[in-house]
Amino acid sequence: MNLNGHEIKLSSLQVDGVDSSDYPDFCDAYFCYAEYTNGIELTDDELEQLTDKNGDVVHELAYDSLL
């Protein structure tokens, strides 16, 4: 996964806004933290872009967070 040509460290991805009553849609879930592979944290704007471009991954991580 990448953003603006920079690779994202997949193990750093964290989601927030997960509400079990919103299962299975998780429409309020979003990335709250991520790092590039060089260790630099994404800004809030970058996290928003990442969420917008990777809704399927947000959904998967939101689901996994409930297990």
C-alpha atoms as a PDB file:
ATOM      1  CA  MET A   1       0.000   0.000   0.000  1.00  0.00           C
ATOM      2  CA  ASN A   2       1.314   3.444  -0.805  1.00  0.00           C
ATOM      3  CA  LEU A   3       0.327   7.077  -0.651  1.00  0.00           C
ATOM      4  CA  ASN A   4       1.656   9.709  -3.009  1.00  0.00           C
ATOM      5  CA  GLY A   5       4.336   7.304  -4.205  1.00  0.00           C
ATOM      6  CA  HIS A   6       5.591   6.409  -0.723  1.00  0.00           C
ATOM      7  CA  GLU A   7       5.196   2.939   0.746  1.00  0.00           C
ATOM      8  CA  ILE A   8       3.152   2.544   3.954  1.00  0.00           C
ATOM      9  CA  LYS A   9       4.362   0.195   6.706  1.00  0.00           C
ATOM     10  CA  LEU A  10       1.388  -2.180   6.942  1.00  0.00           C
ATOM     11  CA  SER A  11       2.162  -3.262  10.500  1.00  0.00           C
ATOM     12  CA  SER A  12       1.793   0.367  11.637  1.00  0.00           C
ATOM     13  CA  LEU A  13      -1.833   0.763  10.477  1.00  0.00           C
ATOM     14  CA  GLN A  14      -4.302   1.547  13.259  1.00  0.00           C
ATOM     15  CA  VAL A  15      -8.012   2.267  12.980  1.00  0.00           C
ATOM     16  CA  ASP A  16     -10.395   4.174  15.204  1.00  0.00           C
ATOM     17  CA  GLY A  17     -14.077   5.005  15.089  1.00  0.00           C
ATOM     18  CA  VAL A  18     -15.068   1.339  15.154  1.00  0.00           C
ATOM     19  CA  ASP A  19     -18.577   0.929  16.569  1.00  0.00           C
ATOM     20  CA  SER A  20     -19.876  -2.613  16.986  1.00  0.00           C
ATOM     21  CA  SER A  21     -23.445  -1.367  16.548  1.00  0.00           C
ATOM     22  CA  ASP A  22     -22.425  -0.255  13.049  1.00  0.00           C
ATOM     23  CA  TYR A  23     -21.454  -3.809  12.040  1.00  0.00           C
ATOM     24  CA  PRO A  24     -20.985  -4.754   9.204  1.00  0.00           C
ATOM     25  CA  ASP A  25     -20.683  -1.300   7.601  1.00  0.00           C
ATOM     26  CA  PHE A  26     -18.202   0.418   9.949  1.00  0.00           C
ATOM     27  CA  CYS A  27     -18.900   3.673   8.095  1.00  0.00           C
ATOM     28  CA  ASP A  28     -17.249   5.773  10.831  1.00  0.00           C
ATOM     29  CA  ALA A  29     -13.990   3.800  10.930  1.00  0.00           C
ATOM     30  CA  TYR A  30     -10.826   5.560   9.778  1.00  0.00           C
ATOM     31  CA  PHE A  31      -7.054   5.279   9.947  1.00  0.00           C
ATOM     32  CA  CYS A  32      -5.861   7.078  13.064  1.00  0.00           C
ATOM     33  CA  TYR A  33      -2.174   6.159  12.757  1.00  0.00           C
ATOM     34  CA  ALA A  34       0.240   4.915  10.112  1.00  0.00           C
ATOM     35  CA  GLU A  35       3.910   5.250   9.215  1.00  0.00           C
ATOM     36  CA  TYR A  36       5.842   5.231   6.010  1.00  0.00           C
ATOM     37  CA  THR A  37       8.435   2.462   5.719  1.00  0.00           C
ATOM     38  CA  ASN A  38      11.092   5.040   6.645  1.00  0.00           C
ATOM     39  CA  GLY A  39       9.405   5.520  10.050  1.00  0.00           C
ATOM     40  CA  ILE A  40       7.857   8.954   9.407  1.00  0.00           C
ATOM     41  CA  GLU A  41       4.305   9.247  10.754  1.00  0.00           C
ATOM     42  CA  LEU A  42       1.532  10.281   8.393  1.00  0.00           C
ATOM     43  CA  THR A  43      -0.079  13.655   9.023  1.00  0.00           C
ATOM     44  CA  ASP A  44      -3.810  13.975   9.710  1.00  0.00           C
ATOM     45  CA  ASP A  45      -4.376  15.024   6.095  1.00  0.00           C
ATOM     46  CA  GLU A  46      -2.397  12.031   4.830  1.00  0.00           C
ATOM     47  CA  LEU A  47      -4.357   9.686   7.102  1.00  0.00           C
ATOM     48  CA  GLU A  48      -7.581  11.090   5.687  1.00  0.00           C
ATOM     49  CA  GLN A  49      -6.327  10.505   2.135  1.00  0.00           C
ATOM     50  CA  LEU A  50      -5.250   6.981   3.046  1.00  0.00           C
ATOM     51  CA  THR A  51      -8.680   6.245   4.505  1.00  0.00           C
ATOM     52  CA  ASP A  52     -10.446   7.620   1.435  1.00  0.00           C
ATOM     53  CA  LYS A  53      -8.310   5.549  -0.948  1.00  0.00           C
ATOM     54  CA  ASN A  54      -8.317   2.299   1.061  1.00  0.00           C
ATOM     55  CA  GLY A  55     -11.797   1.864   2.479  1.00  0.00           C
ATOM     56  CA  ASP A  56     -11.604  -1.900   2.039  1.00  0.00           C
ATOM     57  CA  VAL A  57      -8.528  -2.108   4.274  1.00  0.00           C
ATOM     58  CA  VAL A  58     -10.138   0.154   6.900  1.00  0.00           C
ATOM     59  CA  HIS A  59     -13.194  -2.113   6.871  1.00  0.00           C
ATOM     60  CA  GLU A  60     -11.081  -5.258   7.245  1.00  0.00           C
ATOM     61  CA  LEU A  61      -9.080  -3.823  10.152  1.00  0.00           C
ATOM     62  CA  ALA A  62     -12.261  -2.545  11.808  1.00  0.00           C
ATOM     63  CA  TYR A  63     -13.757  -6.018  11.593  1.00  0.00           C
ATOM     64  CA  ASP A  64     -10.554  -7.605  12.922  1.00  0.00           C
ATOM     65  CA  SER A  65     -10.517  -5.195  15.877  1.00  0.00           C
ATOM     66  CA  LEU A  66     -13.796  -6.666  17.104  1.00  0.00           C
ATOM     67  CA  LEU A  67     -12.544 -10.261  17.138  1.00  0.00           C
END
